[in-house]
Amino acid sequence: MHTASVTAASTEVPLPTTPPWRRIGAFVALTKPRIIELLLVTTLPTMVLAHGGFPAIGLVLATLVGGSLAAGSANVLNCYLDRDIDKVMHRTKRRPLVTGEVSPREALVFGIALGIVSLAWLAWATNVFASLLTAAAILIYVVGYTMILKRRTSQNIVWGGIAGCMPVFIGWAAVTGTLGWAPVALFGVVFFWTPPHYWPLAMKFRRDYAAAGVPMLPVVAGDRRVAIESILYAIAMVACSLALIPLAGMSWFYTVVSVALGAWFIGSCVALYRRATRPTTTKLYEMRVFHGSITYLSAVFLAVAIDPLLPW
């Protein structure tokens, strides 16, 4: 009996092991690098504006590293908490927690560790105020959005989107140690930008969200209402971008760029509304608005960064 079991064991094919590079890639994927990139797009220009020029490179790198770790922490914990609905949605079914490349325990430990390291790093390399703002951003996204709002209200992305606005405050605080009305205006730009940025994506994947029981606005409301609200938020977004002109003493360069980009993005939302009101329309081309929103935010904040560096 013993000999037979030994023989059987010796003939078993060993289980395949995941290559180290694949494991590392899985953990990186949990941090959602593309989202982190978008957050950094708002952080660096804010720091340039706060300093009135390009800040010390060490401070910039320290803030960007700390912000990346913090955003990664929030995203990993979001994946951990949402792993049940990620299995249902086609857009997320290949995430490492769904495929089993990373275990829930590993993800939880990884997310918490990233958060602790990011807060300690920012407190040491920048200042305690910036670190506290970062802690608030993580809590808003993980607790406020993921745990409380996301599965309960169609306004989830509106108020949960506050977390995505916090890099503006963090970048400003890292440079000055305080806040002011200029960063509040930039905060408003990102806050009002978030719904018309995310809702077109939710329109594209509304069946996924409906199957997962997530009441995104495009799931519970018609295309016309979503388009109208997107237009209203876009108008408020542009108003905040223009408020920055007197608050931060922006030049004609930023003024021209912000007005032109604002008119263009509002126009894209209006075009979405027109398509939504045509009963014969088979395609909304909602992803045009989604990708356009990314172009808008990147270009506006690029103008924010360039303006203080101009000679006039």
C-alpha atoms as a PDB file:
ATOM      1  CA  MET A   1       0.000   0.000   0.000  1.00  0.00           C
ATOM      2  CA  HIS A   2       2.780   2.373   0.969  1.00  0.00           C
ATOM      3  CA  THR A   3       4.839   1.436  -2.101  1.00  0.00           C
ATOM      4  CA  ALA A   4       1.880   2.018  -4.414  1.00  0.00           C
ATOM      5  CA  SER A   5       1.204   5.482  -2.992  1.00  0.00           C
ATOM      6  CA  VAL A   6       4.879   6.430  -3.324  1.00  0.00           C
ATOM      7  CA  THR A   7       4.914   5.214  -6.936  1.00  0.00           C
ATOM      8  CA  ALA A   8       1.720   7.157  -7.746  1.00  0.00           C
ATOM      9  CA  ALA A   9       3.090  10.298  -6.135  1.00  0.00           C
ATOM     10  CA  SER A  10       6.351   9.986  -8.035  1.00  0.00           C
ATOM     11  CA  THR A  11       4.536   9.805 -11.366  1.00  0.00           C
ATOM     12  CA  GLU A  12       2.352  12.897 -10.759  1.00  0.00           C
ATOM     13  CA  VAL A  13       2.955  15.819 -13.111  1.00  0.00           C
ATOM     14  CA  PRO A  14       4.103  18.862 -11.122  1.00  0.00           C
ATOM     15  CA  LEU A  15       1.721  21.828 -11.113  1.00  0.00           C
ATOM     16  CA  PRO A  16       2.767  24.687 -13.382  1.00  0.00           C
ATOM     17  CA  THR A  17       4.178  27.712 -11.601  1.00  0.00           C
ATOM     18  CA  THR A  18       3.508  31.304 -12.578  1.00  0.00           C
ATOM     19  CA  PRO A  19       6.663  33.020 -13.876  1.00  0.00           C
ATOM     20  CA  PRO A  20       7.905  35.833 -11.567  1.00  0.00           C
ATOM     21  CA  TRP A  21       7.447  38.467 -14.274  1.00  0.00           C
ATOM     22  CA  ARG A  22       3.819  37.395 -14.711  1.00  0.00           C
ATOM     23  CA  ARG A  23       3.200  37.686 -10.968  1.00  0.00           C
ATOM     24  CA  ILE A  24       4.734  41.139 -10.861  1.00  0.00           C
ATOM     25  CA  GLY A  25       2.640  42.187 -13.834  1.00  0.00           C
ATOM     26  CA  ALA A  26      -0.509  40.958 -12.090  1.00  0.00           C
ATOM     27  CA  PHE A  27       0.182  43.066  -8.996  1.00  0.00           C
ATOM     28  CA  VAL A  28       0.944  46.106 -11.159  1.00  0.00           C
ATOM     29  CA  ALA A  29      -2.315  45.578 -13.069  1.00  0.00           C
ATOM     30  CA  LEU A  30      -4.252  45.763  -9.799  1.00  0.00           C
ATOM     31  CA  THR A  31      -2.999  49.324  -9.280  1.00  0.00           C
ATOM     32  CA  LYS A  32      -4.672  50.418 -12.570  1.00  0.00           C
ATOM     33  CA  PRO A  33      -1.687  52.294 -14.035  1.00  0.00           C
ATOM     34  CA  ARG A  34      -3.760  54.154 -16.650  1.00  0.00           C
ATOM     35  CA  ILE A  35      -5.836  55.795 -13.929  1.00  0.00           C
ATOM     36  CA  ILE A  36      -2.671  56.722 -12.037  1.00  0.00           C
ATOM     37  CA  GLU A  37      -1.316  58.411 -15.171  1.00  0.00           C
ATOM     38  CA  LEU A  38      -4.421  60.580 -15.394  1.00  0.00           C
ATOM     39  CA  LEU A  39      -4.101  61.595 -11.742  1.00  0.00           C
ATOM     40  CA  LEU A  40      -0.484  62.638 -12.246  1.00  0.00           C
ATOM     41  CA  VAL A  41      -1.583  64.773 -15.210  1.00  0.00           C
ATOM     42  CA  THR A  42      -3.367  67.044 -12.721  1.00  0.00           C
ATOM     43  CA  THR A  43      -0.750  66.901  -9.952  1.00  0.00           C
ATOM     44  CA  LEU A  44       2.344  68.205 -11.734  1.00  0.00           C
ATOM     45  CA  PRO A  45       0.721  71.257 -13.410  1.00  0.00           C
ATOM     46  CA  THR A  46      -0.848  72.199 -10.075  1.00  0.00           C
ATOM     47  CA  MET A  47       2.582  72.125  -8.451  1.00  0.00           C
ATOM     48  CA  VAL A  48       4.005  74.358 -11.196  1.00  0.00           C
ATOM     49  CA  LEU A  49       1.172  76.865 -10.723  1.00  0.00           C
ATOM     50  CA  ALA A  50       1.534  76.815  -6.939  1.00  0.00           C
ATOM     51  CA  HIS A  51       5.260  77.523  -7.185  1.00  0.00           C
ATOM     52  CA  GLY A  52       4.927  80.093  -9.954  1.00  0.00           C
ATOM     53  CA  GLY A  53       7.474  78.098 -11.945  1.00  0.00           C
ATOM     54  CA  PHE A  54       8.933  74.628 -11.923  1.00  0.00           C
ATOM     55  CA  PRO A  55       9.455  73.426  -8.314  1.00  0.00           C
ATOM     56  CA  ALA A  56      12.544  71.606  -7.088  1.00  0.00           C
ATOM     57  CA  ILE A  57      12.821  68.336  -8.994  1.00  0.00           C
ATOM     58  CA  GLY A  58      13.238  66.396  -5.751  1.00  0.00           C
ATOM     59  CA  LEU A  59       9.910  67.683  -4.435  1.00  0.00           C
ATOM     60  CA  VAL A  60       8.186  66.940  -7.725  1.00  0.00           C
ATOM     61  CA  LEU A  61       9.487  63.369  -7.850  1.00  0.00           C
ATOM     62  CA  ALA A  62       8.685  62.778  -4.174  1.00  0.00           C
ATOM     63  CA  THR A  63       5.098  63.977  -4.659  1.00  0.00           C
ATOM     64  CA  LEU A  64       4.543  61.997  -7.843  1.00  0.00           C
ATOM     65  CA  VAL A  65       5.972  58.816  -6.312  1.00  0.00           C
ATOM     66  CA  GLY A  66       3.881  59.209  -3.166  1.00  0.00           C
ATOM     67  CA  GLY A  67       0.772  60.025  -5.159  1.00  0.00           C
ATOM     68  CA  SER A  68       1.296  57.013  -7.417  1.00  0.00           C
ATOM     69  CA  LEU A  69       1.658  54.689  -4.434  1.00  0.00           C
ATOM     70  CA  ALA A  70      -1.465  56.146  -2.808  1.00  0.00           C
ATOM     71  CA  ALA A  71      -3.538  55.864  -5.987  1.00  0.00           C
ATOM     72  CA  GLY A  72      -2.253  52.328  -6.453  1.00  0.00           C
ATOM     73  CA  SER A  73      -3.302  51.482  -2.905  1.00  0.00           C
ATOM     74  CA  ALA A  74      -6.838  52.797  -3.449  1.00  0.00           C
ATOM     75  CA  ASN A  75      -7.153  50.964  -6.769  1.00  0.00           C
ATOM     76  CA  VAL A  76      -5.922  47.642  -5.365  1.00  0.00           C
ATOM     77  CA  LEU A  77      -8.367  47.861  -2.455  1.00  0.00           C
ATOM     78  CA  ASN A  78     -11.111  48.761  -4.931  1.00  0.00           C
ATOM     79  CA  CYS A  79     -10.301  45.587  -6.906  1.00  0.00           C
ATOM     80  CA  TYR A  80     -10.329  43.582  -3.667  1.00  0.00           C
ATOM     81  CA  LEU A  81     -13.761  44.859  -2.630  1.00  0.00           C
ATOM     82  CA  ASP A  82     -15.257  44.644  -6.128  1.00  0.00           C
ATOM     83  CA  ARG A  83     -13.916  41.216  -7.072  1.00  0.00           C
ATOM     84  CA  ASP A  84     -17.422  39.739  -6.968  1.00  0.00           C
ATOM     85  CA  ILE A  85     -18.862  42.134  -9.546  1.00  0.00           C
ATOM     86  CA  ASP A  86     -15.654  42.117 -11.601  1.00  0.00           C
ATOM     87  CA  LYS A  87     -16.413  38.443 -12.346  1.00  0.00           C
ATOM     88  CA  VAL A  88     -19.719  39.442 -13.930  1.00  0.00           C
ATOM     89  CA  MET A  89     -18.550  42.358 -16.048  1.00  0.00           C
ATOM     90  CA  HIS A  90     -16.867  41.653 -19.383  1.00  0.00           C
ATOM     91  CA  ARG A  91     -14.733  44.779 -19.025  1.00  0.00           C
ATOM     92  CA  THR A  92     -13.190  43.566 -15.757  1.00  0.00           C
ATOM     93  CA  LYS A  93     -13.338  39.780 -15.923  1.00  0.00           C
ATOM     94  CA  ARG A  94      -9.623  39.514 -16.723  1.00  0.00           C
ATOM     95  CA  ARG A  95      -8.436  41.378 -13.652  1.00  0.00           C
ATOM     96  CA  PRO A  96      -5.889  39.365 -11.618  1.00  0.00           C
ATOM     97  CA  LEU A  97      -8.265  38.752  -8.696  1.00  0.00           C
ATOM     98  CA  VAL A  98     -10.819  37.255 -11.065  1.00  0.00           C
ATOM     99  CA  THR A  99      -8.346  35.072 -12.956  1.00  0.00           C
ATOM    100  CA  GLY A 100      -6.719  33.899  -9.729  1.00  0.00           C
ATOM    101  CA  GLU A 101      -3.259  35.268 -10.531  1.00  0.00           C
ATOM    102  CA  VAL A 102      -3.431  37.126  -7.204  1.00  0.00           C
ATOM    103  CA  SER A 103      -5.304  35.857  -4.149  1.00  0.00           C
ATOM    104  CA  PRO A 104      -7.698  38.130  -2.200  1.00  0.00           C
ATOM    105  CA  ARG A 105      -5.412  37.983   0.852  1.00  0.00           C
ATOM    106  CA  GLU A 106      -2.390  38.993  -1.209  1.00  0.00           C
ATOM    107  CA  ALA A 107      -4.303  41.883  -2.756  1.00  0.00           C
ATOM    108  CA  LEU A 108      -5.535  43.115   0.633  1.00  0.00           C
ATOM    109  CA  VAL A 109      -2.052  43.055   2.151  1.00  0.00           C
ATOM    110  CA  PHE A 110      -0.558  44.670  -0.944  1.00  0.00           C
ATOM    111  CA  GLY A 111      -3.145  47.467  -1.002  1.00  0.00           C
ATOM    112  CA  ILE A 112      -2.778  48.274   2.692  1.00  0.00           C
ATOM    113  CA  ALA A 113       1.021  48.184   2.462  1.00  0.00           C
ATOM    114  CA  LEU A 114       1.033  50.592  -0.491  1.00  0.00           C
ATOM    115  CA  GLY A 115      -1.202  52.981   1.442  1.00  0.00           C
ATOM    116  CA  ILE A 116       0.960  52.953   4.567  1.00  0.00           C
ATOM    117  CA  VAL A 117       4.151  53.455   2.579  1.00  0.00           C
ATOM    118  CA  SER A 118       2.641  56.304   0.536  1.00  0.00           C
ATOM    119  CA  LEU A 119       1.443  58.225   3.591  1.00  0.00           C
ATOM    120  CA  ALA A 120       4.728  57.783   5.451  1.00  0.00           C
ATOM    121  CA  TRP A 121       6.691  58.777   2.359  1.00  0.00           C
ATOM    122  CA  LEU A 122       4.677  61.942   1.708  1.00  0.00           C
ATOM    123  CA  ALA A 123       4.816  63.001   5.358  1.00  0.00           C
ATOM    124  CA  TRP A 124       8.614  62.656   5.289  1.00  0.00           C
ATOM    125  CA  ALA A 125       9.397  63.872   1.763  1.00  0.00           C
ATOM    126  CA  THR A 126       6.809  66.687   1.470  1.00  0.00           C
ATOM    127  CA  ASN A 127       4.771  67.633   4.545  1.00  0.00           C
ATOM    128  CA  VAL A 128       2.211  66.214   6.953  1.00  0.00           C
ATOM    129  CA  PHE A 129      -0.651  68.242   5.460  1.00  0.00           C
ATOM    130  CA  ALA A 130      -0.115  66.685   2.023  1.00  0.00           C
ATOM    131  CA  SER A 131      -0.002  63.251   3.653  1.00  0.00           C
ATOM    132  CA  LEU A 132      -3.291  63.854   5.483  1.00  0.00           C
ATOM    133  CA  LEU A 133      -4.974  64.972   2.261  1.00  0.00           C
ATOM    134  CA  THR A 134      -3.702  61.781   0.644  1.00  0.00           C
ATOM    135  CA  ALA A 135      -5.168  59.683   3.452  1.00  0.00           C
ATOM    136  CA  ALA A 136      -8.499  61.427   2.913  1.00  0.00           C
ATOM    137  CA  ALA A 137      -8.347  60.641  -0.821  1.00  0.00           C
ATOM    138  CA  ILE A 138      -7.769  56.934  -0.170  1.00  0.00           C
ATOM    139  CA  LEU A 139     -10.626  56.790   2.347  1.00  0.00           C
ATOM    140  CA  ILE A 140     -13.038  58.637   0.051  1.00  0.00           C
ATOM    141  CA  TYR A 141     -12.358  56.248  -2.821  1.00  0.00           C
ATOM    142  CA  VAL A 142     -12.243  52.998  -0.864  1.00  0.00           C
ATOM    143  CA  VAL A 143     -14.891  53.633   1.798  1.00  0.00           C
ATOM    144  CA  GLY A 144     -16.994  56.464   0.366  1.00  0.00           C
ATOM    145  CA  TYR A 145     -17.169  55.347  -3.256  1.00  0.00           C
ATOM    146  CA  THR A 146     -16.435  51.609  -3.353  1.00  0.00           C
ATOM    147  CA  MET A 147     -18.049  50.470  -0.097  1.00  0.00           C
ATOM    148  CA  ILE A 148     -20.939  52.933   0.311  1.00  0.00           C
ATOM    149  CA  LEU A 149     -21.936  54.759  -2.872  1.00  0.00           C
ATOM    150  CA  LYS A 150     -21.122  52.548  -5.844  1.00  0.00           C
ATOM    151  CA  ARG A 151     -23.816  49.914  -5.328  1.00  0.00           C
ATOM    152  CA  ARG A 152     -26.425  52.217  -3.783  1.00  0.00           C
ATOM    153  CA  THR A 153     -26.920  55.361  -5.848  1.00  0.00           C
ATOM    154  CA  SER A 154     -26.778  56.567  -9.425  1.00  0.00           C
ATOM    155  CA  GLN A 155     -24.827  59.574  -8.153  1.00  0.00           C
ATOM    156  CA  ASN A 156     -21.983  57.277  -7.076  1.00  0.00           C
ATOM    157  CA  ILE A 157     -19.426  58.601  -9.527  1.00  0.00           C
ATOM    158  CA  VAL A 158     -20.325  62.226  -8.777  1.00  0.00           C
ATOM    159  CA  TRP A 159     -19.502  62.189  -5.076  1.00  0.00           C
ATOM    160  CA  GLY A 160     -17.064  59.306  -5.253  1.00  0.00           C
ATOM    161  CA  GLY A 161     -15.221  61.324  -7.877  1.00  0.00           C
ATOM    162  CA  ILE A 162     -14.017  63.666  -5.131  1.00  0.00           C
ATOM    163  CA  ALA A 163     -11.156  61.231  -4.591  1.00  0.00           C
ATOM    164  CA  GLY A 164      -9.983  61.883  -8.138  1.00  0.00           C
ATOM    165  CA  CYS A 165      -9.934  65.632  -7.425  1.00  0.00           C
ATOM    166  CA  MET A 166      -7.669  65.320  -4.402  1.00  0.00           C
ATOM    167  CA  PRO A 167      -4.340  65.181  -6.335  1.00  0.00           C
ATOM    168  CA  VAL A 168      -4.902  68.877  -7.065  1.00  0.00           C
ATOM    169  CA  PHE A 169      -5.015  69.655  -3.330  1.00  0.00           C
ATOM    170  CA  ILE A 170      -2.136  67.272  -2.608  1.00  0.00           C
ATOM    171  CA  GLY A 171       0.101  68.823  -5.258  1.00  0.00           C
ATOM    172  CA  TRP A 172      -0.657  72.366  -4.082  1.00  0.00           C
ATOM    173  CA  ALA A 173      -0.133  71.444  -0.421  1.00  0.00           C
ATOM    174  CA  ALA A 174       3.145  69.687  -1.215  1.00  0.00           C
ATOM    175  CA  VAL A 175       4.503  72.983  -2.574  1.00  0.00           C
ATOM    176  CA  THR A 176       2.937  75.542  -0.245  1.00  0.00           C
ATOM    177  CA  GLY A 177       1.854  73.610   2.860  1.00  0.00           C
ATOM    178  CA  THR A 178      -1.548  75.299   2.570  1.00  0.00           C
ATOM    179  CA  LEU A 179      -4.561  75.585   0.271  1.00  0.00           C
ATOM    180  CA  GLY A 180      -6.236  78.541  -1.419  1.00  0.00           C
ATOM    181  CA  TRP A 181      -8.930  79.518  -3.888  1.00  0.00           C
ATOM    182  CA  ALA A 182      -6.859  78.669  -6.959  1.00  0.00           C
ATOM    183  CA  PRO A 183      -6.618  74.956  -6.071  1.00  0.00           C
ATOM    184  CA  VAL A 184     -10.325  75.030  -5.215  1.00  0.00           C
ATOM    185  CA  ALA A 185     -11.047  76.161  -8.790  1.00  0.00           C
ATOM    186  CA  LEU A 186      -8.846  73.369 -10.163  1.00  0.00           C
ATOM    187  CA  PHE A 187     -10.603  70.932  -7.817  1.00  0.00           C
ATOM    188  CA  GLY A 188     -13.895  72.102  -9.324  1.00  0.00           C
ATOM    189  CA  VAL A 189     -12.624  71.485 -12.853  1.00  0.00           C
ATOM    190  CA  VAL A 190     -11.863  67.839 -12.058  1.00  0.00           C
ATOM    191  CA  PHE A 191     -15.014  67.392  -9.950  1.00  0.00           C
ATOM    192  CA  PHE A 192     -17.404  68.576 -12.677  1.00  0.00           C
ATOM    193  CA  TRP A 193     -15.331  66.843 -15.376  1.00  0.00           C
ATOM    194  CA  THR A 194     -15.741  63.393 -13.802  1.00  0.00           C
ATOM    195  CA  PRO A 195     -19.434  62.697 -14.666  1.00  0.00           C
ATOM    196  CA  PRO A 196     -19.226  63.607 -18.376  1.00  0.00           C
ATOM    197  CA  HIS A 197     -15.981  61.660 -18.490  1.00  0.00           C
ATOM    198  CA  TYR A 198     -17.250  58.467 -16.845  1.00  0.00           C
ATOM    199  CA  TRP A 199     -20.905  58.350 -17.869  1.00  0.00           C
ATOM    200  CA  PRO A 200     -20.155  57.824 -21.594  1.00  0.00           C
ATOM    201  CA  LEU A 201     -18.057  54.801 -20.590  1.00  0.00           C
ATOM    202  CA  ALA A 202     -20.942  53.567 -18.437  1.00  0.00           C
ATOM    203  CA  MET A 203     -23.273  54.037 -21.414  1.00  0.00           C
ATOM    204  CA  LYS A 204     -21.019  51.804 -23.474  1.00  0.00           C
ATOM    205  CA  PHE A 205     -20.959  49.102 -20.782  1.00  0.00           C
ATOM    206  CA  ARG A 206     -24.403  49.631 -19.256  1.00  0.00           C
ATOM    207  CA  ARG A 207     -25.280  45.934 -19.645  1.00  0.00           C
ATOM    208  CA  ASP A 208     -22.226  45.008 -17.608  1.00  0.00           C
ATOM    209  CA  TYR A 209     -23.173  47.410 -14.822  1.00  0.00           C
ATOM    210  CA  ALA A 210     -26.803  46.265 -14.910  1.00  0.00           C
ATOM    211  CA  ALA A 211     -25.762  42.601 -14.666  1.00  0.00           C
ATOM    212  CA  ALA A 212     -23.498  43.449 -11.720  1.00  0.00           C
ATOM    213  CA  GLY A 213     -26.247  45.411  -9.957  1.00  0.00           C
ATOM    214  CA  VAL A 214     -24.353  48.708 -10.064  1.00  0.00           C
ATOM    215  CA  PRO A 215     -26.848  51.590 -10.560  1.00  0.00           C
ATOM    216  CA  MET A 216     -24.727  53.869 -12.732  1.00  0.00           C
ATOM    217  CA  LEU A 217     -26.842  56.709 -14.126  1.00  0.00           C
ATOM    218  CA  PRO A 218     -26.900  55.247 -17.680  1.00  0.00           C
ATOM    219  CA  VAL A 219     -28.313  52.032 -16.175  1.00  0.00           C
ATOM    220  CA  VAL A 220     -31.247  53.680 -14.378  1.00  0.00           C
ATOM    221  CA  ALA A 221     -31.880  56.636 -16.714  1.00  0.00           C
ATOM    222  CA  GLY A 222     -32.333  57.141 -20.441  1.00  0.00           C
ATOM    223  CA  ASP A 223     -29.644  58.374 -22.811  1.00  0.00           C
ATOM    224  CA  ARG A 224     -31.313  61.778 -23.121  1.00  0.00           C
ATOM    225  CA  ARG A 225     -31.142  62.486 -19.398  1.00  0.00           C
ATOM    226  CA  VAL A 226     -27.533  61.292 -19.196  1.00  0.00           C
ATOM    227  CA  ALA A 227     -26.592  63.571 -22.087  1.00  0.00           C
ATOM    228  CA  ILE A 228     -28.379  66.578 -20.556  1.00  0.00           C
ATOM    229  CA  GLU A 229     -26.660  66.114 -17.195  1.00  0.00           C
ATOM    230  CA  SER A 230     -23.322  65.682 -18.966  1.00  0.00           C
ATOM    231  CA  ILE A 231     -23.834  69.043 -20.686  1.00  0.00           C
ATOM    232  CA  LEU A 232     -24.670  70.746 -17.374  1.00  0.00           C
ATOM    233  CA  TYR A 233     -21.621  69.295 -15.634  1.00  0.00           C
ATOM    234  CA  ALA A 234     -19.435  70.274 -18.594  1.00  0.00           C
ATOM    235  CA  ILE A 235     -20.676  73.879 -18.361  1.00  0.00           C
ATOM    236  CA  ALA A 236     -19.895  73.962 -14.632  1.00  0.00           C
ATOM    237  CA  MET A 237     -16.465  72.485 -15.393  1.00  0.00           C
ATOM    238  CA  VAL A 238     -15.673  75.227 -17.885  1.00  0.00           C
ATOM    239  CA  ALA A 239     -16.909  77.878 -15.429  1.00  0.00           C
ATOM    240  CA  CYS A 240     -14.398  76.593 -12.865  1.00  0.00           C
ATOM    241  CA  SER A 241     -11.615  76.628 -15.447  1.00  0.00           C
ATOM    242  CA  LEU A 242     -12.418  80.276 -16.198  1.00  0.00           C
ATOM    243  CA  ALA A 243     -12.606  81.158 -12.496  1.00  0.00           C
ATOM    244  CA  LEU A 244      -8.945  80.203 -12.263  1.00  0.00           C
ATOM    245  CA  ILE A 245      -8.017  83.190 -14.474  1.00  0.00           C
ATOM    246  CA  PRO A 246      -8.613  85.911 -11.839  1.00  0.00           C
ATOM    247  CA  LEU A 247      -7.853  83.634  -8.887  1.00  0.00           C
ATOM    248  CA  ALA A 248      -4.364  82.676 -10.128  1.00  0.00           C
ATOM    249  CA  GLY A 249      -3.634  85.633 -12.414  1.00  0.00           C
ATOM    250  CA  MET A 250      -3.520  83.486 -15.562  1.00  0.00           C
ATOM    251  CA  SER A 251      -2.448  85.100 -18.820  1.00  0.00           C
ATOM    252  CA  TRP A 252      -4.171  85.351 -22.178  1.00  0.00           C
ATOM    253  CA  PHE A 253      -2.541  82.045 -23.188  1.00  0.00           C
ATOM    254  CA  TYR A 254      -4.423  79.989 -20.602  1.00  0.00           C
ATOM    255  CA  THR A 255      -7.570  82.035 -21.220  1.00  0.00           C
ATOM    256  CA  VAL A 256      -7.634  81.257 -24.934  1.00  0.00           C
ATOM    257  CA  VAL A 257      -6.827  77.567 -24.405  1.00  0.00           C
ATOM    258  CA  SER A 258      -9.427  77.046 -21.659  1.00  0.00           C
ATOM    259  CA  VAL A 259     -12.185  78.832 -23.613  1.00  0.00           C
ATOM    260  CA  ALA A 260     -11.449  76.931 -26.828  1.00  0.00           C
ATOM    261  CA  LEU A 261     -11.192  73.545 -25.161  1.00  0.00           C
ATOM    262  CA  GLY A 262     -14.274  74.201 -23.051  1.00  0.00           C
ATOM    263  CA  ALA A 263     -16.367  75.111 -26.091  1.00  0.00           C
ATOM    264  CA  TRP A 264     -15.112  72.033 -27.915  1.00  0.00           C
ATOM    265  CA  PHE A 265     -15.935  69.625 -25.067  1.00  0.00           C
ATOM    266  CA  ILE A 266     -19.354  71.124 -24.404  1.00  0.00           C
ATOM    267  CA  GLY A 267     -19.983  70.748 -28.119  1.00  0.00           C
ATOM    268  CA  SER A 268     -19.135  67.047 -27.951  1.00  0.00           C
ATOM    269  CA  CYS A 269     -21.651  66.619 -25.115  1.00  0.00           C
ATOM    270  CA  VAL A 270     -24.283  68.475 -27.128  1.00  0.00           C
ATOM    271  CA  ALA A 271     -23.576  66.180 -30.076  1.00  0.00           C
ATOM    272  CA  LEU A 272     -24.142  63.196 -27.781  1.00  0.00           C
ATOM    273  CA  TYR A 273     -27.482  64.705 -26.739  1.00  0.00           C
ATOM    274  CA  ARG A 274     -28.545  65.180 -30.343  1.00  0.00           C
ATOM    275  CA  ARG A 275     -27.753  61.578 -31.191  1.00  0.00           C
ATOM    276  CA  ALA A 276     -29.597  60.412 -28.063  1.00  0.00           C
ATOM    277  CA  THR A 277     -32.765  62.274 -29.103  1.00  0.00           C
ATOM    278  CA  ARG A 278     -32.909  60.743 -32.559  1.00  0.00           C
ATOM    279  CA  PRO A 279     -35.004  57.557 -32.420  1.00  0.00           C
ATOM    280  CA  THR A 280     -33.424  56.267 -35.607  1.00  0.00           C
ATOM    281  CA  THR A 281     -29.886  56.608 -34.304  1.00  0.00           C
ATOM    282  CA  THR A 282     -28.283  53.207 -33.789  1.00  0.00           C
ATOM    283  CA  LYS A 283     -24.933  54.442 -32.504  1.00  0.00           C
ATOM    284  CA  LEU A 284     -24.318  57.049 -29.848  1.00  0.00           C
ATOM    285  CA  TYR A 285     -20.542  57.141 -30.330  1.00  0.00           C
ATOM    286  CA  GLU A 286     -20.322  57.710 -26.593  1.00  0.00           C
ATOM    287  CA  MET A 287     -16.662  56.684 -26.495  1.00  0.00           C
ATOM    288  CA  ARG A 288     -15.852  59.787 -28.526  1.00  0.00           C
ATOM    289  CA  VAL A 289     -16.938  61.829 -25.524  1.00  0.00           C
ATOM    290  CA  PHE A 290     -15.014  59.569 -23.164  1.00  0.00           C
ATOM    291  CA  HIS A 291     -11.743  59.875 -25.071  1.00  0.00           C
ATOM    292  CA  GLY A 292     -12.412  63.548 -25.724  1.00  0.00           C
ATOM    293  CA  SER A 293     -12.737  64.183 -22.003  1.00  0.00           C
ATOM    294  CA  ILE A 294      -9.267  62.780 -21.424  1.00  0.00           C
ATOM    295  CA  THR A 295      -7.882  65.032 -24.146  1.00  0.00           C
ATOM    296  CA  TYR A 296      -9.671  68.017 -22.589  1.00  0.00           C
ATOM    297  CA  LEU A 297      -8.349  67.471 -19.076  1.00  0.00           C
ATOM    298  CA  SER A 298      -4.807  66.772 -20.248  1.00  0.00           C
ATOM    299  CA  ALA A 299      -4.715  69.854 -22.476  1.00  0.00           C
ATOM    300  CA  VAL A 300      -6.216  72.212 -19.885  1.00  0.00           C
ATOM    301  CA  PHE A 301      -3.758  71.137 -17.204  1.00  0.00           C
ATOM    302  CA  LEU A 302      -0.915  71.351 -19.704  1.00  0.00           C
ATOM    303  CA  ALA A 303      -1.932  74.983 -20.210  1.00  0.00           C
ATOM    304  CA  VAL A 304      -1.966  75.414 -16.418  1.00  0.00           C
ATOM    305  CA  ALA A 305       1.631  74.174 -16.319  1.00  0.00           C
ATOM    306  CA  ILE A 306       2.843  76.254 -19.266  1.00  0.00           C
ATOM    307  CA  ASP A 307       1.237  79.570 -18.272  1.00  0.00           C
ATOM    308  CA  PRO A 308       3.472  80.334 -15.226  1.00  0.00           C
ATOM    309  CA  LEU A 309       6.573  79.567 -17.312  1.00  0.00           C
ATOM    310  CA  LEU A 310       5.798  82.124 -20.033  1.00  0.00           C
ATOM    311  CA  PRO A 311       7.857  85.346 -20.051  1.00  0.00           C
ATOM    312  CA  TRP A 312       4.879  87.714 -19.893  1.00  0.00           C
END
